[in-house]
Protein backbone atom coordinates (compact mmCIF):
# COMPACT_ATOMS: atom_id res chain seq x y z
CA MET A 1 0.00 0.00 0.11
CA ARG A 2 1.56 3.33 -1.20
CA THR A 3 1.53 6.22 1.49
CA ALA A 4 0.17 9.74 0.50
CA ALA A 5 3.93 11.04 0.84
CA GLU A 6 5.16 8.40 -1.71
CA THR A 7 2.44 9.20 -4.20
CA VAL A 8 3.26 12.99 -4.06
CA ARG A 9 6.97 12.28 -4.19
CA ASP A 10 6.63 10.19 -7.43
CA HIS A 11 4.29 12.53 -9.14
CA PRO A 12 5.70 15.94 -10.09
CA GLY A 13 2.16 17.29 -11.11
CA LEU A 14 0.97 16.43 -7.56
CA GLN A 15 4.00 17.97 -6.12
CA PHE A 16 3.27 21.18 -8.00
CA SER A 17 -0.26 21.14 -6.87
CA PHE A 18 1.04 20.85 -3.17
CA TYR A 19 3.40 23.51 -3.48
CA LEU A 20 0.55 26.01 -4.82
CA GLU A 21 -1.75 24.97 -1.90
CA THR A 22 1.16 25.71 0.51
CA VAL A 23 1.73 29.09 -0.79
CA ARG A 24 -1.95 29.80 -0.92
CA LEU A 25 -1.93 29.00 2.81
CA TYR A 26 1.08 31.18 3.72
CA ARG A 27 -0.64 33.99 1.63
CA CYS A 28 -4.08 33.72 3.63
CA PHE A 29 -2.27 33.55 6.93
CA PHE A 30 -0.05 36.56 6.10
CA PHE A 31 -3.22 38.49 4.85
CA HIS A 32 -5.14 37.51 8.24
CA ILE A 33 -2.20 38.83 10.35
CA TYR A 34 -1.95 41.91 8.15
CA VAL A 35 -5.65 42.78 8.48
CA LYS A 36 -5.40 42.32 12.34
CA GLU A 37 -2.29 44.43 12.23
CA ILE A 38 -4.28 47.22 10.44
CA ASN A 39 -7.16 46.93 12.98
CA CYS A 40 -4.85 46.94 16.05
CA ARG A 41 -2.44 49.53 14.98
CA ARG A 42 -4.30 52.27 16.74
CA SER A 43 -4.84 50.41 20.08
CA VAL A 44 -1.27 48.81 20.08
CA LYS A 45 1.83 50.80 20.75
CA GLY A 46 5.57 50.59 21.80
CA GLU A 47 7.09 46.96 21.89
CA ASP A 48 4.14 45.03 20.99
CA MET A 49 3.79 46.94 17.78
CA LYS A 50 7.57 46.27 16.99
CA LYS A 51 6.92 42.35 17.59
CA ARG A 52 3.97 42.35 15.24
CA ARG A 53 5.66 44.04 12.62
CA TRP A 54 8.71 41.69 12.82
CA ILE A 55 6.43 38.73 12.68
CA CYS A 56 4.81 40.11 9.45
CA MET A 57 8.14 40.69 7.80
CA PHE A 58 9.08 37.00 8.67
CA LEU A 59 5.86 35.51 7.15
CA LEU A 60 6.33 37.79 4.03
CA LEU A 61 9.89 36.52 3.53
CA GLN A 62 8.49 32.93 4.05
CA VAL A 63 5.84 33.53 1.11
CA LEU A 64 8.66 34.99 -1.08
CA TRP A 65 11.06 32.07 -0.49
CA CYS A 66 8.39 29.60 -1.29
CA SER A 67 7.36 31.26 -4.51
CA MET A 68 10.96 31.44 -5.79
CA THR A 69 11.77 27.83 -4.66
CA GLY A 70 8.72 26.91 -6.58
CA MET A 71 9.48 28.72 -9.87
CA ALA A 72 13.00 27.19 -9.82
CA VAL A 73 11.81 23.71 -9.35
CA TYR A 74 8.52 23.75 -11.26
CA GLY A 75 8.18 26.85 -13.30
CA MET A 76 11.16 26.63 -15.48
CA GLU A 77 11.14 23.29 -17.07
CA PRO A 78 8.02 21.14 -18.22
CA ASP A 79 7.98 17.52 -17.47
CA ILE A 80 8.83 15.98 -21.00
CA PRO A 81 8.54 12.31 -21.37
CA VAL A 82 11.19 12.16 -24.05
CA SER A 83 13.55 14.91 -25.17
CA ALA A 84 15.60 14.73 -28.29
CA VAL A 85 18.13 17.46 -28.96
CA VAL A 86 17.85 18.52 -32.57
CA SER A 87 20.42 21.44 -33.42
CA GLY A 88 20.34 22.61 -29.88
CA GLN A 89 16.48 22.72 -29.59
CA ALA A 90 14.60 20.37 -27.15
CA GLN A 91 11.96 18.68 -28.98
CA ALA A 92 9.14 17.01 -27.04
CA VAL A 93 7.94 13.94 -28.60
CA CYS A 94 6.48 11.19 -26.56
CA ILE A 95 7.60 7.80 -27.77
CA GLN A 96 6.92 4.53 -25.60
CA ALA A 97 9.34 2.39 -27.70
CA PRO A 98 12.66 1.98 -26.13
CA SER A 99 14.60 3.11 -29.20
CA ALA A 100 13.41 5.25 -32.30
CA VAL A 101 14.98 7.58 -34.68
CA LEU A 102 13.84 10.06 -37.55
CA MET A 103 15.90 10.78 -40.56
CA GLU A 104 15.65 13.00 -43.44
CA ALA A 105 16.67 10.81 -46.35
CA SER A 106 18.34 13.11 -48.76
CA THR A 107 20.81 14.50 -46.16
CA GLY A 108 20.84 11.79 -43.40
CA LYS A 109 20.15 14.33 -40.85
CA LEU A 110 18.59 13.08 -37.60
CA LEU A 111 15.52 15.10 -36.81
CA PHE A 112 14.77 12.84 -33.66
CA GLU A 113 16.56 10.10 -31.72
CA LYS A 114 15.86 8.10 -28.48
CA ASP A 115 18.47 5.76 -27.69
CA ALA A 116 19.41 5.59 -31.25
CA ASP A 117 22.75 3.63 -30.76
CA GLU A 118 21.30 0.89 -28.37
CA LYS A 119 21.80 -2.62 -29.74
CA ARG A 120 18.54 -4.56 -30.02
CA SER A 121 17.36 -7.45 -32.05
CA PRO A 122 15.90 -6.11 -35.53
CA ALA A 123 13.66 -9.19 -36.48
CA SER A 124 12.70 -9.19 -40.13
CA VAL A 125 13.95 -5.41 -40.55
CA THR A 126 17.17 -7.27 -41.18
CA LYS A 127 15.86 -7.89 -44.64
CA VAL A 128 16.56 -4.19 -45.53
CA MET A 129 20.34 -5.25 -45.65
CA THR A 130 19.42 -8.42 -47.50
CA LEU A 131 17.66 -6.34 -50.07
CA LEU A 132 20.21 -3.89 -50.37
CA LEU A 133 22.88 -6.61 -51.30
CA ILE A 134 20.45 -8.19 -53.77
CA PHE A 135 20.00 -4.76 -55.64
CA GLU A 136 23.64 -4.13 -55.73
CA ALA A 137 24.55 -7.53 -56.99
CA MET A 138 22.01 -6.82 -59.91
CA LYS A 139 23.58 -3.40 -60.44
CA ALA A 140 26.91 -5.06 -60.76
CA GLY A 141 25.59 -7.39 -63.44
CA ASP A 142 25.85 -10.37 -61.24
CA TYR A 143 22.20 -11.47 -62.21
CA GLN A 144 18.84 -9.92 -63.29
CA MET A 145 15.12 -9.79 -62.36
CA SER A 146 14.48 -12.87 -64.70
CA ASP A 147 17.04 -15.16 -63.71
CA ILE A 148 15.79 -18.57 -61.96
CA VAL A 149 16.52 -19.23 -58.14
CA THR A 150 16.42 -22.87 -57.05
CA VAL A 151 15.52 -23.19 -53.36
CA SER A 152 17.79 -25.39 -51.37
CA GLU A 153 16.98 -27.46 -48.40
CA HIS A 154 18.29 -25.10 -45.94
CA ALA A 155 16.27 -22.22 -47.15
CA ALA A 156 13.02 -24.26 -47.36
CA SER A 157 13.55 -25.12 -43.63
CA MET A 158 13.45 -21.58 -42.38
CA GLY A 159 10.78 -21.02 -39.74
CA GLY A 160 8.90 -17.96 -38.85
CA SER A 161 7.21 -16.07 -41.56
CA GLN A 162 7.47 -17.82 -44.90
CA CYS A 163 6.12 -18.54 -48.43
CA PHE A 164 6.40 -22.36 -47.91
CA PHE A 165 8.82 -23.15 -50.75
CA GLU A 166 9.77 -26.75 -51.22
CA THR A 167 13.35 -28.04 -51.65
CA GLY A 168 14.11 -27.72 -55.37
CA GLU A 169 11.46 -25.25 -56.29
CA GLN A 170 12.22 -22.66 -58.56
CA GLN A 171 11.28 -18.93 -58.82
CA THR A 172 12.45 -15.73 -60.59
CA VAL A 173 14.50 -13.33 -58.87
CA GLU A 174 11.85 -10.68 -59.25
CA ASP A 175 9.17 -13.01 -57.45
CA MET A 176 11.79 -13.77 -54.65
CA ILE A 177 12.07 -10.14 -54.05
CA LYS A 178 8.25 -9.78 -53.68
CA CYS A 179 8.04 -12.55 -51.36
CA ILE A 180 10.81 -10.86 -49.22
CA ILE A 181 9.48 -7.26 -49.23
CA ILE A 182 5.95 -8.00 -49.26
CA ALA A 183 5.29 -11.25 -47.25
CA SER A 184 8.58 -11.17 -45.38
CA GLY A 185 9.42 -14.54 -46.45
CA ASN A 186 12.54 -16.04 -44.50
CA ASP A 187 12.84 -18.96 -46.89
CA ALA A 188 12.90 -16.47 -49.88
CA ALA A 189 15.57 -14.21 -47.98
CA VAL A 190 17.74 -17.24 -47.42
CA ALA A 191 17.41 -18.60 -50.92
CA MET A 192 18.52 -15.17 -52.48
CA ALA A 193 21.29 -14.90 -49.94
CA GLU A 194 22.68 -18.32 -51.18
CA PHE A 195 21.86 -17.32 -54.85
CA THR A 196 23.87 -14.23 -54.38
CA ALA A 197 26.89 -15.44 -52.50
CA GLY A 198 26.79 -19.33 -52.67
CA SER A 199 25.95 -19.84 -49.11
CA GLU A 200 24.14 -17.90 -46.22
CA GLU A 201 27.31 -17.65 -44.21
CA ALA A 202 29.13 -16.07 -47.08
CA PHE A 203 26.14 -13.71 -47.63
CA VAL A 204 26.09 -12.77 -43.91
CA GLN A 205 29.87 -11.84 -44.37
CA ARG A 206 29.07 -9.47 -47.03
CA MET A 207 26.21 -8.19 -44.89
CA ASN A 208 28.68 -7.24 -42.17
CA ASP A 209 31.40 -5.90 -44.46
CA ARG A 210 28.61 -3.56 -46.10
CA ALA A 211 27.46 -2.54 -42.42
CA LYS A 212 31.05 -1.37 -41.89
CA GLU A 213 31.24 0.42 -45.04
CA LEU A 214 28.18 2.28 -44.31
CA GLY A 215 29.31 3.36 -40.79
CA MET A 216 26.86 1.14 -38.99
CA GLU A 217 28.83 0.89 -35.84
CA HIS A 218 26.51 -0.90 -33.65
CA THR A 219 25.48 -3.83 -36.02
CA HIS A 220 26.31 -7.37 -36.29
CA PHE A 221 24.42 -9.87 -38.42
CA VAL A 222 24.17 -13.68 -37.91
CA ASN A 223 21.61 -14.72 -40.44
CA ALA A 224 19.97 -13.09 -43.78
CA CYS A 225 16.46 -13.22 -42.50
CA GLY A 226 16.12 -11.76 -39.01
CA LEU A 227 15.32 -14.74 -36.87
CA ASP A 228 16.35 -14.39 -33.32
CA ALA A 229 20.06 -15.53 -32.84
CA ASP A 230 22.91 -14.70 -30.12
CA GLY A 231 24.67 -11.74 -31.48
CA HIS A 232 22.30 -10.74 -34.29
CA GLU A 233 21.73 -7.02 -33.42
CA THR A 234 21.55 -3.47 -34.75
CA SER A 235 20.42 -0.04 -33.77
CA ALA A 236 17.67 2.35 -34.77
CA LYS A 237 20.30 4.65 -36.19
CA ASP A 238 21.85 1.90 -38.08
CA ILE A 239 18.58 0.80 -39.47
CA ALA A 240 18.01 4.38 -40.59
CA ILE A 241 21.35 4.28 -42.52
CA MET A 242 20.89 1.18 -44.55
CA SER A 243 17.10 2.10 -45.22
CA ARG A 244 18.46 5.34 -46.57
CA GLN A 245 21.11 3.62 -48.72
CA LEU A 246 18.59 1.22 -50.15
CA ILE A 247 15.90 3.92 -51.08
CA ASP A 248 18.53 6.47 -52.19
CA GLU A 249 20.67 4.11 -54.43
CA HIS A 250 17.70 1.75 -55.37
CA PRO A 251 14.59 3.61 -55.49
CA GLU A 252 12.98 1.01 -57.56
CA ILE A 253 12.61 -1.04 -54.35
CA LEU A 254 9.67 1.39 -53.52
CA ASN A 255 7.87 -0.23 -56.68
CA TYR A 256 7.70 -3.40 -54.43
CA SER A 257 7.49 -2.18 -50.74
CA GLY A 258 4.33 -0.42 -51.60
CA ILE A 259 2.35 -3.42 -53.08
CA TRP A 260 -0.58 -4.33 -50.86
CA MET A 261 -1.61 -7.51 -52.65
CA ASP A 262 0.12 -9.77 -55.01
CA SER A 263 0.69 -13.40 -55.85
CA ILE A 264 3.23 -15.99 -57.05
CA VAL A 265 2.89 -19.38 -58.65
CA HIS A 266 4.33 -22.44 -56.59
CA LYS A 267 6.03 -24.86 -59.06
CA THR A 268 6.65 -28.34 -57.58
CA ALA A 269 6.50 -31.83 -58.52
CA ARG A 270 3.02 -31.94 -57.70
CA GLY A 271 2.17 -29.28 -60.11
CA GLU A 272 1.28 -25.59 -59.84
CA SER A 273 -0.65 -23.56 -57.33
CA ARG A 274 -1.24 -19.86 -56.67
CA PHE A 275 0.27 -18.43 -53.39
CA ASP A 276 -1.23 -14.99 -52.28
CA LEU A 277 1.21 -12.52 -51.06
CA ALA A 278 -0.37 -9.88 -48.38
CA ASN A 279 2.05 -6.97 -47.18
CA THR A 280 2.91 -7.34 -43.46
CA ASN A 281 3.36 -3.59 -43.44
CA LYS A 282 -0.25 -2.30 -42.49
CA PHE A 283 1.29 1.31 -42.06
CA LEU A 284 1.00 1.75 -45.69
CA ASN A 285 -2.77 2.17 -45.27
CA MET A 286 -2.42 4.36 -42.24
CA TYR A 287 -0.24 7.24 -43.32
CA THR A 288 -0.55 9.57 -46.39
CA GLY A 289 2.60 9.28 -48.36
CA ALA A 290 3.71 6.09 -46.94
CA THR A 291 6.02 4.28 -49.29
CA GLY A 292 7.45 1.34 -47.31
CA LEU A 293 9.62 -0.05 -46.04
CA LYS A 294 9.97 -3.16 -43.63
CA THR A 295 8.44 -4.44 -40.56
CA GLY A 296 9.57 -7.11 -38.33
CA TYR A 297 8.57 -9.18 -35.14
CA THR A 298 10.11 -11.93 -32.84
CA ALA A 299 9.34 -12.63 -29.13
CA THR A 300 12.70 -11.05 -28.44
CA ALA A 301 12.79 -8.10 -30.74
CA LYS A 302 9.17 -7.34 -30.23
CA TYR A 303 7.67 -4.85 -32.79
CA CYS A 304 10.16 -3.13 -35.10
CA MET A 305 9.74 -1.17 -38.23
CA SER A 306 11.60 0.97 -40.80
CA ALA A 307 8.83 3.24 -42.06
CA THR A 308 9.46 5.51 -45.24
CA ALA A 309 7.20 8.36 -46.62
CA ASN A 310 7.35 11.19 -49.03
CA ARG A 311 5.39 14.43 -48.85
CA ASN A 312 6.11 17.51 -51.00
CA GLY A 313 9.55 16.00 -52.20
CA ILE A 314 10.77 15.30 -48.58
CA THR A 315 11.47 11.61 -47.78
CA LEU A 316 11.59 10.75 -44.11
CA ILE A 317 12.66 7.56 -42.44
CA ALA A 318 11.09 6.74 -39.03
CA VAL A 319 12.56 3.69 -37.24
CA ILE A 320 10.76 2.15 -34.29
CA MET A 321 12.48 -0.88 -32.29
CA GLY A 322 11.01 -2.94 -29.51
CA ALA A 323 7.46 -1.67 -29.25
CA GLU A 324 5.07 -3.67 -27.33
CA THR A 325 2.50 -3.94 -29.72
CA LYS A 326 1.85 -3.54 -33.56
CA ASP A 327 -0.53 -0.80 -32.95
CA ILE A 328 1.99 1.33 -30.74
CA ARG A 329 4.72 0.75 -33.36
CA ASN A 330 2.51 1.98 -36.23
CA LYS A 331 1.02 4.92 -34.43
CA GLU A 332 4.64 5.89 -33.10
CA ALA A 333 5.88 5.95 -36.65
CA CYS A 334 3.10 8.13 -37.56
CA LYS A 335 3.97 10.49 -34.66
CA LEU A 336 7.50 10.81 -35.60
CA LEU A 337 6.67 11.46 -39.26
CA ASP A 338 4.13 13.83 -38.38
CA TYR A 339 6.59 15.78 -36.16
CA GLY A 340 9.24 15.61 -39.03
CA TYR A 341 6.96 17.20 -41.64
CA ALA A 342 5.68 19.83 -39.22
CA ASN A 343 9.39 20.85 -38.18
CA CYS A 344 11.37 20.79 -41.33
CA ASN A 345 11.46 21.95 -44.92
CA LEU A 346 13.92 20.90 -47.57
CA TYR A 347 16.39 23.41 -48.81
CA LYS A 348 17.87 22.82 -52.28
CA ASP A 349 20.58 24.83 -54.33
CA GLU A 350 21.10 23.77 -57.83
CA ASN A 351 23.42 26.82 -58.57
CA VAL A 352 26.04 26.23 -56.07
CA LEU A 353 28.76 28.30 -57.41
CA ASP A 354 28.40 32.32 -57.45
CA THR A 355 31.58 32.57 -59.54
CA ARG A 356 32.94 30.09 -62.02
CA SER A 357 36.65 30.88 -61.44
CA VAL A 358 39.36 31.33 -58.85
CA SER A 359 42.78 33.21 -58.79
CA ILE A 360 45.73 30.80 -59.25
CA GLU A 361 49.47 31.68 -58.89
CA ASN A 362 52.40 30.91 -61.10
CA GLY A 363 50.21 29.52 -63.90
CA ILE A 364 49.84 30.21 -67.65
CA SER A 365 46.62 31.74 -66.86
CA ASP A 366 45.86 33.98 -63.64
CA GLU A 367 42.16 32.29 -63.34
CA LEU A 368 41.26 28.74 -62.82
CA ALA A 369 37.79 27.48 -63.99
CA ILE A 370 36.05 25.61 -61.29
CA ASP A 371 32.90 23.47 -60.86
CA SER A 372 30.88 21.80 -57.92
CA VAL A 373 30.81 18.06 -57.67
CA SER A 374 27.04 18.04 -56.97
CA ASP A 375 24.03 20.18 -56.05
CA PHE A 376 23.36 21.03 -52.24
CA SER A 377 20.52 19.92 -50.24
CA SER A 378 19.83 20.08 -46.52
CA VAL A 379 16.92 20.52 -44.01
CA LEU A 380 15.75 23.83 -42.58
CA LEU A 381 13.98 23.63 -39.33
CA ARG A 382 10.87 25.50 -38.39
CA GLY A 383 11.13 29.29 -38.40
CA GLU A 384 14.36 29.03 -40.58
CA LYS A 385 13.96 30.53 -44.18
CA ALA A 386 15.77 29.77 -47.39
CA ASP A 387 16.69 33.52 -47.95
CA ASP A 388 18.77 33.47 -44.46
CA VAL A 389 21.04 30.58 -45.83
CA LYS A 390 24.55 31.83 -46.50
CA LYS A 391 27.20 30.13 -48.45
CA ILE A 392 30.97 30.97 -48.75
CA LEU A 393 33.98 29.47 -50.81
CA VAL A 394 36.33 28.09 -48.29
CA GLN A 395 40.03 27.33 -49.61
CA ASP A 396 42.54 25.64 -47.25
CA GLU A 397 45.38 27.38 -49.10
CA PRO A 398 46.25 29.64 -52.12
CA LEU A 399 46.35 27.69 -55.50
CA THR A 400 49.47 27.33 -57.44
CA ALA A 401 50.05 25.74 -60.71
CA PRO A 402 50.24 23.10 -62.03
CA ILE A 403 46.66 22.02 -61.38
CA LYS A 404 44.87 18.96 -62.93
CA LYS A 405 41.36 18.79 -63.88
CA GLY A 406 39.17 17.45 -60.99
CA TYR A 407 41.54 18.65 -58.18
CA VAL A 408 39.71 19.69 -55.07
CA VAL A 409 40.22 23.28 -54.71
CA GLY A 410 37.99 23.90 -51.67
CA HIS A 411 34.38 23.72 -50.96
CA ILE A 412 31.24 25.78 -50.61
CA GLU A 413 30.10 25.88 -46.96
CA TYR A 414 26.37 26.63 -46.22
CA SER A 415 25.16 27.91 -42.79
CA ILE A 416 22.05 29.70 -41.33
CA ASN A 417 22.06 31.70 -38.22
CA GLY A 418 25.49 30.25 -37.30
CA ARG A 419 24.44 26.63 -37.76
CA ILE A 420 26.50 24.77 -40.50
CA LEU A 421 24.22 22.91 -42.64
CA GLY A 422 26.77 21.27 -44.91
CA SER A 423 29.24 21.79 -47.90
CA VAL A 424 29.85 20.94 -51.47
CA GLU A 425 33.29 20.07 -52.85
CA VAL A 426 34.68 22.34 -55.54
CA VAL A 427 37.03 21.06 -58.09
CA ALA A 428 39.21 22.29 -60.95
CA ALA A 429 37.35 22.35 -64.32
CA GLU A 430 40.46 22.35 -66.43
CA ASN A 431 44.29 21.83 -66.53
CA ILE A 432 46.37 24.71 -65.77
CA LYS A 433 50.14 24.43 -66.72
CA LYS A 434 52.95 25.97 -64.56
CA MET A 435 54.34 29.18 -66.06
CA THR A 436 57.99 28.67 -67.32
CA PHE A 437 60.68 30.98 -68.71
CA GLY A 438 60.30 29.22 -72.25
CA TYR A 439 56.44 29.74 -72.21
CA SER A 440 56.78 33.32 -71.27
CA PHE A 441 59.41 34.01 -73.95
CA LYS A 442 57.40 32.52 -76.73
CA LYS A 443 54.36 34.47 -75.58
CA VAL A 444 56.43 37.63 -75.63
CA LEU A 445 57.51 36.96 -79.25
CA TYR A 446 53.97 35.91 -80.07
CA LEU A 447 52.43 39.33 -78.96
CA ALA A 448 55.43 41.16 -80.42
CA PHE A 449 54.99 39.78 -83.90
CA ARG A 450 51.23 39.91 -83.71
CA SER A 451 51.12 43.59 -83.01
């Protein structure tokens, strides 16, 4: 049985109410004494009057002390369930799941994070990396969508969510991808892992190597499908990183992740039969602009998801890990995305350079033509305006010939109100040879005879 004192102690709201009532009592008592003081002032004189005044002063100081203490304890900071620091601003978003991240896809900027680097079991969200390696293998020319995949005994033995392939059954790469992204088939994921790398073990090694290349510092894969296994873990931030890589480098994945219903045809020794695929990602029908990406659940991982959406040209990635229920997972993904779209705008600059040349010393020309390696994009937070963005050309040292085309001469740095948004490299757009005595002599002769 909890005591009243324990209840008040554990609930800041009750503490605050208790404080207010205390102050009110002090004030009422002081007012009562003050009234009596006024009424008695004419009848009480000398030492008694001085004593009354000292008592009133003491009570007044008590009231002031309580008020100041209350403001210091309660009045300055609200009780925020979860606080995410984004560009120095405390953003209140109440997320029940133990780990979550919100990322803007074009820049990789985190707009919200809660225990973003905590290692947790990812369940079938693992398949984001599996799909990334599949699409990278196709881009490298290793195979194509129409190639035939034969299901091994190992792949067919996978438990959990599956498409019930039989050993020796054959499907196209495209149908296997549908089974992975739509129905979350573990058997399809392992079959494609073996088809890509020769064995699941070799494919998992590729998964871990790719994770390191992408800077996924809190990730280690043990299998290609996401079934619970000792040491199979990743973080919300790392999931966002690999999700961003997949949708950015291979946007065609969204043509499959957004499919609500589809089907394949099982082809076995017993004949052919249709197998319906229903998307496990119910979030697709819950959020306007939803495009994917992957859900997951095991008893250890609980409910996880990498949710992607696009509105007005802005793509956001919301990652939820360890939610207690599917409903909480989906609603909190929606909440994060709503927060993101309400608090950010995409800034793009397709004309990075204000000048097309820079000075160069000791060259056959005094000017070097330059170019930017790409356009620039970043996220502006609420209240920030594109007109307030500043950009400057930063060069580490003066340029001296010779310079070859493609040489990095500096970078354009973007900032707003003192906050660095990012930068774009600036490179030489031409070759500039070093000035020599022979070249100078020839140029003088040329100019002399031409005139």
